[in-house]
C-alpha atoms as a PDB file:
ATOM      1  CA  UNK A   1      40.573 -44.408 -17.062  1.00  0.00           C
ATOM      2  CA  UNK A   2      43.905 -44.819 -15.038  1.00  0.00           C
ATOM      3  CA  UNK A   3      45.670 -46.151 -18.192  1.00  0.00           C
ATOM      4  CA  UNK A   4      44.380 -43.012 -20.016  1.00  0.00           C
ATOM      5  CA  UNK A   5      45.725 -40.709 -17.356  1.00  0.00           C
ATOM      6  CA  UNK A   6      49.199 -42.380 -17.366  1.00  0.00           C
ATOM      7  CA  UNK A   7      49.476 -41.654 -21.096  1.00  0.00           C
ATOM      8  CA  UNK A   8      49.002 -37.949 -20.709  1.00  0.00           C
ATOM      9  CA  UNK A   9      50.800 -35.050 -19.071  1.00  0.00           C
ATOM     10  CA  UNK A  10      50.221 -34.371 -15.335  1.00  0.00           C
ATOM     11  CA  UNK A  11      48.107 -31.274 -16.043  1.00  0.00           C
ATOM     12  CA  UNK A  12      45.685 -33.247 -18.141  1.00  0.00           C
ATOM     13  CA  UNK A  13      45.584 -35.951 -15.529  1.00  0.00           C
ATOM     14  CA  UNK A  14      44.719 -33.442 -12.723  1.00  0.00           C
ATOM     15  CA  UNK A  15      42.119 -31.801 -14.893  1.00  0.00           C
ATOM     16  CA  UNK A  16      40.397 -35.145 -15.573  1.00  0.00           C
ATOM     17  CA  UNK A  17      40.479 -36.100 -11.925  1.00  0.00           C
ATOM     18  CA  UNK A  18      38.982 -32.763 -10.907  1.00  0.00           C
ATOM     19  CA  UNK A  19      36.174 -33.341 -13.437  1.00  0.00           C
ATOM     20  CA  UNK A  20      35.415 -36.780 -11.948  1.00  0.00           C
ATOM     21  CA  UNK A  21      35.341 -35.361  -8.419  1.00  0.00           C
ATOM     22  CA  UNK A  22      32.876 -32.704  -9.458  1.00  0.00           C
ATOM     23  CA  UNK A  23      30.663 -35.255 -11.183  1.00  0.00           C
ATOM     24  CA  UNK A  24      30.760 -37.454  -8.108  1.00  0.00           C
ATOM     25  CA  UNK A  25      29.812 -34.433  -5.881  1.00  0.00           C
ATOM     26  CA  UNK A  26      26.880 -33.526  -8.217  1.00  0.00           C
ATOM     27  CA  UNK A  27      25.702 -37.210  -8.291  1.00  0.00           C
ATOM     28  CA  UNK A  28      25.823 -37.095  -4.423  1.00  0.00           C
ATOM     29  CA  UNK A  29      23.774 -34.045  -4.269  1.00  0.00           C
ATOM     30  CA  UNK A  30      21.141 -35.318  -6.712  1.00  0.00           C
ATOM     31  CA  UNK A  31      20.961 -38.621  -4.755  1.00  0.00           C
ATOM     32  CA  UNK A  32      20.404 -36.720  -1.446  1.00  0.00           C
ATOM     33  CA  UNK A  33      17.602 -34.588  -2.988  1.00  0.00           C
ATOM     34  CA  UNK A  34      15.975 -37.687  -4.372  1.00  0.00           C
ATOM     35  CA  UNK A  35      16.053 -39.351  -0.935  1.00  0.00           C
ATOM     36  CA  UNK A  36      14.564 -36.343   0.754  1.00  0.00           C
ATOM     37  CA  UNK A  37      11.805 -36.309  -1.787  1.00  0.00           C
ATOM     38  CA  UNK A  38      10.784 -39.973  -1.572  1.00  0.00           C
ATOM     39  CA  UNK A  39      11.407 -40.801   2.102  1.00  0.00           C
ATOM     40  CA  UNK A  40       8.147 -40.573   3.935  1.00  0.00           C
ATOM     41  CA  UNK A  41       7.981 -37.860   6.576  1.00  0.00           C
ATOM     42  CA  UNK A  42      10.850 -35.851   5.027  1.00  0.00           C
ATOM     43  CA  UNK A  43      10.023 -32.793   2.937  1.00  0.00           C
ATOM     44  CA  UNK A  44      11.643 -29.871   1.378  1.00  0.00           C
ATOM     45  CA  UNK A  45      10.604 -26.221   2.292  1.00  0.00           C
ATOM     46  CA  UNK A  46       7.081 -25.927   1.085  1.00  0.00           C
ATOM     47  CA  UNK A  47       4.959 -22.757   0.422  1.00  0.00           C
ATOM     48  CA  UNK A  48       1.973 -22.545   2.850  1.00  0.00           C
ATOM     49  CA  UNK A  49      -1.001 -20.280   2.657  1.00  0.00           C
ATOM     50  CA  UNK A  50      -2.820 -17.967   5.016  1.00  0.00           C
ATOM     51  CA  UNK A  51      -6.327 -17.757   3.496  1.00  0.00           C
ATOM     52  CA  UNK A  52      -8.651 -14.761   3.630  1.00  0.00           C
ATOM     53  CA  UNK A  53     -10.768 -16.468   6.268  1.00  0.00           C
ATOM     54  CA  UNK A  54      -7.657 -17.143   8.483  1.00  0.00           C
ATOM     55  CA  UNK A  55      -6.401 -13.600   8.099  1.00  0.00           C
ATOM     56  CA  UNK A  56      -9.656 -11.749   8.642  1.00  0.00           C
ATOM     57  CA  UNK A  57     -10.225  -9.157  11.320  1.00  0.00           C
ATOM     58  CA  UNK A  58      -6.785  -9.389  12.956  1.00  0.00           C
ATOM     59  CA  UNK A  59      -5.377  -6.725  15.351  1.00  0.00           C
ATOM     60  CA  UNK A  60      -2.165  -4.826  14.483  1.00  0.00           C
ATOM     61  CA  UNK A  61       0.152  -5.331  17.381  1.00  0.00           C
ATOM     62  CA  UNK A  62       2.818  -3.092  16.070  1.00  0.00           C
ATOM     63  CA  UNK A  63       3.948  -1.210  12.967  1.00  0.00           C
ATOM     64  CA  UNK A  64       7.534  -1.191  11.623  1.00  0.00           C
ATOM     65  CA  UNK A  65       9.132   0.091   8.401  1.00  0.00           C
ATOM     66  CA  UNK A  66       7.390  -1.744   5.533  1.00  0.00           C
ATOM     67  CA  UNK A  67       5.824  -4.368   7.826  1.00  0.00           C
ATOM     68  CA  UNK A  68       3.191  -5.142  10.414  1.00  0.00           C
ATOM     69  CA  UNK A  69       3.317  -7.228  13.510  1.00  0.00           C
ATOM     70  CA  UNK A  70       0.130  -9.405  13.945  1.00  0.00           C
ATOM     71  CA  UNK A  71      -1.170 -12.284  15.967  1.00  0.00           C
ATOM     72  CA  UNK A  72      -2.406 -15.212  13.833  1.00  0.00           C
ATOM     73  CA  UNK A  73      -3.608 -18.224  15.735  1.00  0.00           C
ATOM     74  CA  UNK A  74      -2.125 -16.911  18.893  1.00  0.00           C
ATOM     75  CA  UNK A  75       1.334 -16.619  17.363  1.00  0.00           C
ATOM     76  CA  UNK A  76       3.185 -13.377  16.382  1.00  0.00           C
ATOM     77  CA  UNK A  77       3.707 -12.845  12.648  1.00  0.00           C
ATOM     78  CA  UNK A  78       5.692 -10.397  10.633  1.00  0.00           C
ATOM     79  CA  UNK A  79       3.592  -9.380   7.553  1.00  0.00           C
ATOM     80  CA  UNK A  80       5.112  -7.625   4.548  1.00  0.00           C
ATOM     81  CA  UNK A  81       3.330  -6.766   1.267  1.00  0.00           C
ATOM     82  CA  UNK A  82       4.418  -8.835  -1.801  1.00  0.00           C
ATOM     83  CA  UNK A  83       5.338  -7.063  -5.053  1.00  0.00           C
ATOM     84  CA  UNK A  84       2.087  -6.059  -6.792  1.00  0.00           C
ATOM     85  CA  UNK A  85       0.004  -6.842  -3.689  1.00  0.00           C
ATOM     86  CA  UNK A  86      -3.515  -5.455  -3.472  1.00  0.00           C
ATOM     87  CA  UNK A  87      -3.304  -2.720  -0.780  1.00  0.00           C
ATOM     88  CA  UNK A  88      -6.201  -0.723   0.794  1.00  0.00           C
ATOM     89  CA  UNK A  89      -6.611   1.424   3.835  1.00  0.00           C
ATOM     90  CA  UNK A  90     -10.233   2.546   4.771  1.00  0.00           C
ATOM     91  CA  UNK A  91     -11.779   4.534   7.568  1.00  0.00           C
ATOM     92  CA  UNK A  92     -12.852   8.007   8.586  1.00  0.00           C
ATOM     93  CA  UNK A  93     -10.886  11.276   8.858  1.00  0.00           C
ATOM     94  CA  UNK A  94     -11.001  14.086  11.357  1.00  0.00           C
ATOM     95  CA  UNK A  95     -11.872  17.591  10.181  1.00  0.00           C
ATOM     96  CA  UNK A  96      -8.286  18.618  10.723  1.00  0.00           C
ATOM     97  CA  UNK A  97      -7.437  16.646   7.487  1.00  0.00           C
ATOM     98  CA  UNK A  98      -9.244  19.382   5.450  1.00  0.00           C
ATOM     99  CA  UNK A  99      -5.987  21.237   4.938  1.00  0.00           C
ATOM    100  CA  UNK A 100      -3.956  22.573   2.030  1.00  0.00           C
ATOM    101  CA  UNK A 101      -2.116  19.850   0.117  1.00  0.00           C
ATOM    102  CA  UNK A 102      -4.503  17.035   0.636  1.00  0.00           C
ATOM    103  CA  UNK A 103      -5.909  15.336  -2.429  1.00  0.00           C
ATOM    104  CA  UNK A 104      -9.667  14.766  -2.192  1.00  0.00           C
ATOM    105  CA  UNK A 105     -12.654  13.802  -4.349  1.00  0.00           C
ATOM    106  CA  UNK A 106     -16.332  14.630  -3.831  1.00  0.00           C
ATOM    107  CA  UNK A 107     -19.697  14.931  -5.678  1.00  0.00           C
ATOM    108  CA  UNK A 108     -20.708  18.529  -6.106  1.00  0.00           C
ATOM    109  CA  UNK A 109     -23.662  20.274  -7.867  1.00  0.00           C
ATOM    110  CA  UNK A 110     -22.445  22.950 -10.246  1.00  0.00           C
ATOM    111  CA  UNK A 111     -24.392  25.594 -12.174  1.00  0.00           C
ATOM    112  CA  UNK A 112     -23.545  26.403 -15.821  1.00  0.00           C
ATOM    113  CA  UNK A 113     -20.856  28.775 -14.605  1.00  0.00           C
ATOM    114  CA  UNK A 114     -19.066  26.089 -12.576  1.00  0.00           C
ATOM    115  CA  UNK A 115     -20.219  27.477  -9.189  1.00  0.00           C
ATOM    116  CA  UNK A 116     -21.151  25.091  -6.521  1.00  0.00           C
ATOM    117  CA  UNK A 117     -24.809  25.390  -5.675  1.00  0.00           C
ATOM    118  CA  UNK A 118     -25.080  23.005  -2.752  1.00  0.00           C
ATOM    119  CA  UNK A 119     -23.040  21.896   0.222  1.00  0.00           C
ATOM    120  CA  UNK A 120     -20.826  18.848  -0.086  1.00  0.00           C
ATOM    121  CA  UNK A 121     -22.158  15.800   1.735  1.00  0.00           C
ATOM    122  CA  UNK A 122     -19.107  13.490   1.602  1.00  0.00           C
ATOM    123  CA  UNK A 123     -15.419  14.055   1.072  1.00  0.00           C
ATOM    124  CA  UNK A 124     -12.992  11.180   0.318  1.00  0.00           C
ATOM    125  CA  UNK A 125      -9.278  11.295   1.051  1.00  0.00           C
ATOM    126  CA  UNK A 126      -7.352   9.148  -1.454  1.00  0.00           C
ATOM    127  CA  UNK A 127      -3.898  10.401  -0.878  1.00  0.00           C
ATOM    128  CA  UNK A 128      -3.198  10.871  -4.530  1.00  0.00           C
ATOM    129  CA  UNK A 129      -4.752  10.692  -7.980  1.00  0.00           C
ATOM    130  CA  UNK A 130      -5.321  12.527 -11.256  1.00  0.00           C
ATOM    131  CA  UNK A 131      -7.044  15.912 -11.052  1.00  0.00           C
ATOM    132  CA  UNK A 132     -10.188  16.193 -13.171  1.00  0.00           C
ATOM    133  CA  UNK A 133     -13.925  16.459 -13.392  1.00  0.00           C
ATOM    134  CA  UNK A 134     -16.128  13.467 -14.093  1.00  0.00           C
ATOM    135  CA  UNK A 135     -19.612  13.985 -15.428  1.00  0.00           C
ATOM    136  CA  UNK A 136     -22.466  11.845 -14.530  1.00  0.00           C
ATOM    137  CA  UNK A 137     -20.469   8.773 -13.474  1.00  0.00           C
ATOM    138  CA  UNK A 138     -19.416   8.178 -17.050  1.00  0.00           C
ATOM    139  CA  UNK A 139     -15.753   8.111 -16.176  1.00  0.00           C
ATOM    140  CA  UNK A 140     -15.019  11.034 -18.481  1.00  0.00           C
ATOM    141  CA  UNK A 141     -12.476  13.316 -16.849  1.00  0.00           C
ATOM    142  CA  UNK A 142     -11.869  16.854 -18.141  1.00  0.00           C
ATOM    143  CA  UNK A 143      -8.649  18.666 -17.532  1.00  0.00           C
ATOM    144  CA  UNK A 144      -9.079  22.056 -15.995  1.00  0.00           C
ATOM    145  CA  UNK A 145      -9.794  25.137 -18.096  1.00  0.00           C
ATOM    146  CA  UNK A 146     -11.244  28.548 -17.483  1.00  0.00           C
ATOM    147  CA  UNK A 147     -14.966  28.221 -16.864  1.00  0.00           C
ATOM    148  CA  UNK A 148     -17.331  29.953 -19.261  1.00  0.00           C
ATOM    149  CA  UNK A 149     -21.068  29.688 -19.480  1.00  0.00           C
ATOM    150  CA  UNK A 150     -22.212  26.690 -21.445  1.00  0.00           C
ATOM    151  CA  UNK A 151     -18.801  24.895 -21.052  1.00  0.00           C
ATOM    152  CA  UNK A 152     -20.594  22.198 -18.993  1.00  0.00           C
ATOM    153  CA  UNK A 153     -24.299  21.870 -18.373  1.00  0.00           C
ATOM    154  CA  UNK A 154     -25.515  22.376 -14.893  1.00  0.00           C
ATOM    155  CA  UNK A 155     -25.632  19.138 -12.938  1.00  0.00           C
ATOM    156  CA  UNK A 156     -23.806  16.782 -10.490  1.00  0.00           C
ATOM    157  CA  UNK A 157     -20.061  16.202 -11.036  1.00  0.00           C
ATOM    158  CA  UNK A 158     -17.305  14.294  -9.234  1.00  0.00           C
ATOM    159  CA  UNK A 159     -14.231  16.384  -8.841  1.00  0.00           C
ATOM    160  CA  UNK A 160     -10.790  15.183  -8.001  1.00  0.00           C
ATOM    161  CA  UNK A 161      -8.192  17.802  -6.892  1.00  0.00           C
ATOM    162  CA  UNK A 162      -5.920  19.193  -4.205  1.00  0.00           C
ATOM    163  CA  UNK A 163      -7.136  21.484  -1.375  1.00  0.00           C
ATOM    164  CA  UNK A 164      -5.669  24.942  -2.060  1.00  0.00           C
ATOM    165  CA  UNK A 165      -7.137  26.801   0.944  1.00  0.00           C
ATOM    166  CA  UNK A 166      -9.601  26.421   3.864  1.00  0.00           C
ATOM    167  CA  UNK A 167     -11.515  29.221   5.482  1.00  0.00           C
ATOM    168  CA  UNK A 168     -14.269  28.292   7.895  1.00  0.00           C
ATOM    169  CA  UNK A 169     -16.562  25.929   6.023  1.00  0.00           C
ATOM    170  CA  UNK A 170     -15.208  26.900   2.631  1.00  0.00           C
ATOM    171  CA  UNK A 171     -12.746  24.585   1.037  1.00  0.00           C
ATOM    172  CA  UNK A 172     -11.011  25.713  -2.193  1.00  0.00           C
ATOM    173  CA  UNK A 173     -10.024  22.826  -4.384  1.00  0.00           C
ATOM    174  CA  UNK A 174      -7.633  23.184  -7.323  1.00  0.00           C
ATOM    175  CA  UNK A 175      -8.394  21.106 -10.424  1.00  0.00           C
ATOM    176  CA  UNK A 176      -5.936  21.914 -13.212  1.00  0.00           C
ATOM    177  CA  UNK A 177      -6.482  25.608 -13.931  1.00  0.00           C
ATOM    178  CA  UNK A 178      -9.832  25.702 -12.254  1.00  0.00           C
ATOM    179  CA  UNK A 179     -10.656  26.457  -8.650  1.00  0.00           C
ATOM    180  CA  UNK A 180     -13.882  25.248  -6.917  1.00  0.00           C
ATOM    181  CA  UNK A 181     -15.090  26.893  -3.653  1.00  0.00           C
ATOM    182  CA  UNK A 182     -16.917  24.144  -1.837  1.00  0.00           C
ATOM    183  CA  UNK A 183     -19.037  24.409   1.311  1.00  0.00           C
ATOM    184  CA  UNK A 184     -18.142  21.602   3.717  1.00  0.00           C
ATOM    185  CA  UNK A 185     -20.368  21.958   6.776  1.00  0.00           C
ATOM    186  CA  UNK A 186     -19.588  20.589  10.113  1.00  0.00           C
ATOM    187  CA  UNK A 187     -20.508  17.001  10.559  1.00  0.00           C
ATOM    188  CA  UNK A 188     -20.034  16.098   6.933  1.00  0.00           C
ATOM    189  CA  UNK A 189     -18.866  12.579   6.154  1.00  0.00           C
ATOM    190  CA  UNK A 190     -15.023  12.385   5.746  1.00  0.00           C
ATOM    191  CA  UNK A 191     -13.933   9.138   4.281  1.00  0.00           C
ATOM    192  CA  UNK A 192     -10.375   7.591   3.823  1.00  0.00           C
ATOM    193  CA  UNK A 193      -9.854   5.243   0.990  1.00  0.00           C
ATOM    194  CA  UNK A 194      -6.247   4.913  -0.127  1.00  0.00           C
ATOM    195  CA  UNK A 195      -3.552   2.427  -1.060  1.00  0.00           C
ATOM    196  CA  UNK A 196      -1.203   4.073   1.503  1.00  0.00           C
ATOM    197  CA  UNK A 197      -1.172   1.380   4.168  1.00  0.00           C
ATOM    198  CA  UNK A 198       1.628   3.269   5.854  1.00  0.00           C
ATOM    199  CA  UNK A 199      -1.050   5.396   7.625  1.00  0.00           C
ATOM    200  CA  UNK A 200      -1.931   2.379   9.767  1.00  0.00           C
ATOM    201  CA  UNK A 201      -1.066   2.336  13.400  1.00  0.00           C
ATOM    202  CA  UNK A 202      -1.113   0.007  16.356  1.00  0.00           C
ATOM    203  CA  UNK A 203      -4.711  -1.025  17.332  1.00  0.00           C
ATOM    204  CA  UNK A 204      -6.093  -0.916  13.721  1.00  0.00           C
ATOM    205  CA  UNK A 205      -7.647  -4.043  12.255  1.00  0.00           C
ATOM    206  CA  UNK A 206      -6.345  -5.781   9.227  1.00  0.00           C
ATOM    207  CA  UNK A 207      -7.347  -8.415   6.636  1.00  0.00           C
ATOM    208  CA  UNK A 208      -4.517 -10.342   5.100  1.00  0.00           C
ATOM    209  CA  UNK A 209      -3.917 -13.289   2.880  1.00  0.00           C
ATOM    210  CA  UNK A 210      -0.703 -14.561   1.385  1.00  0.00           C
ATOM    211  CA  UNK A 211       2.035 -17.243   1.516  1.00  0.00           C
ATOM    212  CA  UNK A 212       4.929 -18.256   3.751  1.00  0.00           C
ATOM    213  CA  UNK A 213       7.728 -20.779   3.871  1.00  0.00           C
ATOM    214  CA  UNK A 214       8.596 -20.157   7.488  1.00  0.00           C
ATOM    215  CA  UNK A 215       5.796 -19.712  10.166  1.00  0.00           C
ATOM    216  CA  UNK A 216       5.896 -16.220  11.545  1.00  0.00           C
ATOM    217  CA  UNK A 217       6.887 -14.494   8.225  1.00  0.00           C
ATOM    218  CA  UNK A 218       4.057 -13.844   5.828  1.00  0.00           C
ATOM    219  CA  UNK A 219       4.388 -12.341   2.344  1.00  0.00           C
ATOM    220  CA  UNK A 220       0.944 -10.873   1.813  1.00  0.00           C
ATOM    221  CA  UNK A 221      -0.803 -10.706  -1.576  1.00  0.00           C
ATOM    222  CA  UNK A 222      -3.680  -8.801  -0.186  1.00  0.00           C
ATOM    223  CA  UNK A 223      -3.749  -6.266   2.710  1.00  0.00           C
ATOM    224  CA  UNK A 224      -6.845  -4.294   3.814  1.00  0.00           C
ATOM    225  CA  UNK A 225      -6.424  -1.992   6.972  1.00  0.00           C
ATOM    226  CA  UNK A 226      -9.486  -0.542   8.728  1.00  0.00           C
ATOM    227  CA  UNK A 227      -8.684   2.488  10.882  1.00  0.00           C
ATOM    228  CA  UNK A 228      -9.883   2.241  14.435  1.00  0.00           C
ATOM    229  CA  UNK A 229      -9.905   6.017  14.975  1.00  0.00           C
ATOM    230  CA  UNK A 230     -10.369   8.948  12.602  1.00  0.00           C
ATOM    231  CA  UNK A 231      -7.278   9.765  10.612  1.00  0.00           C
ATOM    232  CA  UNK A 232      -5.385  12.777  11.961  1.00  0.00           C
ATOM    233  CA  UNK A 233      -2.673  14.902  10.301  1.00  0.00           C
ATOM    234  CA  UNK A 234       0.894  13.925  11.258  1.00  0.00           C
ATOM    235  CA  UNK A 235       1.848  15.651  14.520  1.00  0.00           C
ATOM    236  CA  UNK A 236       4.296  18.476  14.074  1.00  0.00           C
ATOM    237  CA  UNK A 237       7.259  17.928  16.234  1.00  0.00           C
ATOM    238  CA  UNK A 238       8.511  20.946  18.145  1.00  0.00           C
ATOM    239  CA  UNK A 239      12.096  21.868  17.299  1.00  0.00           C
ATOM    240  CA  UNK A 240      14.578  20.751  19.970  1.00  0.00           C
ATOM    241  CA  UNK A 241      15.912  23.653  21.920  1.00  0.00           C
ATOM    242  CA  UNK A 242      19.720  23.878  22.067  1.00  0.00           C
ATOM    243  CA  UNK A 243      21.168  23.478  25.465  1.00  0.00           C
ATOM    244  CA  UNK A 244      23.479  26.294  26.587  1.00  0.00           C
ATOM    245  CA  UNK A 245      27.128  25.319  26.304  1.00  0.00           C
ATOM    246  CA  UNK A 246      28.752  25.391  29.729  1.00  0.00           C
ATOM    247  CA  UNK A 247      31.559  27.916  29.879  1.00  0.00           C
END
């Protein structure tokens, strides 16, 4: 190799020497990796798992942007949802959640004119969804249209829509172009079932499973939060009063 280099210009010689140095460096790195792999007791970073059993019924210590702080095995862990993670938040809601803008679903008995004939027994808050009317649990949703006699036979339907107005026990739900006036008596069951885990707060319980490379930081593939207290609307912060400017 040295004889070859003496026969060529300096630029070629330097290029060849640089190539040899890069090859030596790569060989050194590959040798080190091989040693780490085969030497007993020496391991590369490995992916570990928190199983569903290990992550069941944990207490949320604190909530931060996009993450939860939990105690797993007595140690504090930061838990973040992985992309495409299965997310669920369940619990109950206070009656104050029956307010305009909330998306709900419920079973309702309708006559042939589309009028509710019975009080609602359960309301579910899902946070979002596709407005429609499902007949008989067949999964057939109908977009809203002006009701006329005979459009739908009288019976039990599941409706999905947004609360338009609330007056006493009457809740008006908008479904496409249709409006349903539903009677929601006091004491009716109000359920929360949503993918919006951002509604969780300190003190709620959580079931998690996922993977980690560094203890204390879990990337969760499944998160289920159970609310400890009924869900309340976000508190409205009072506007700050401007302090008078000193003359």
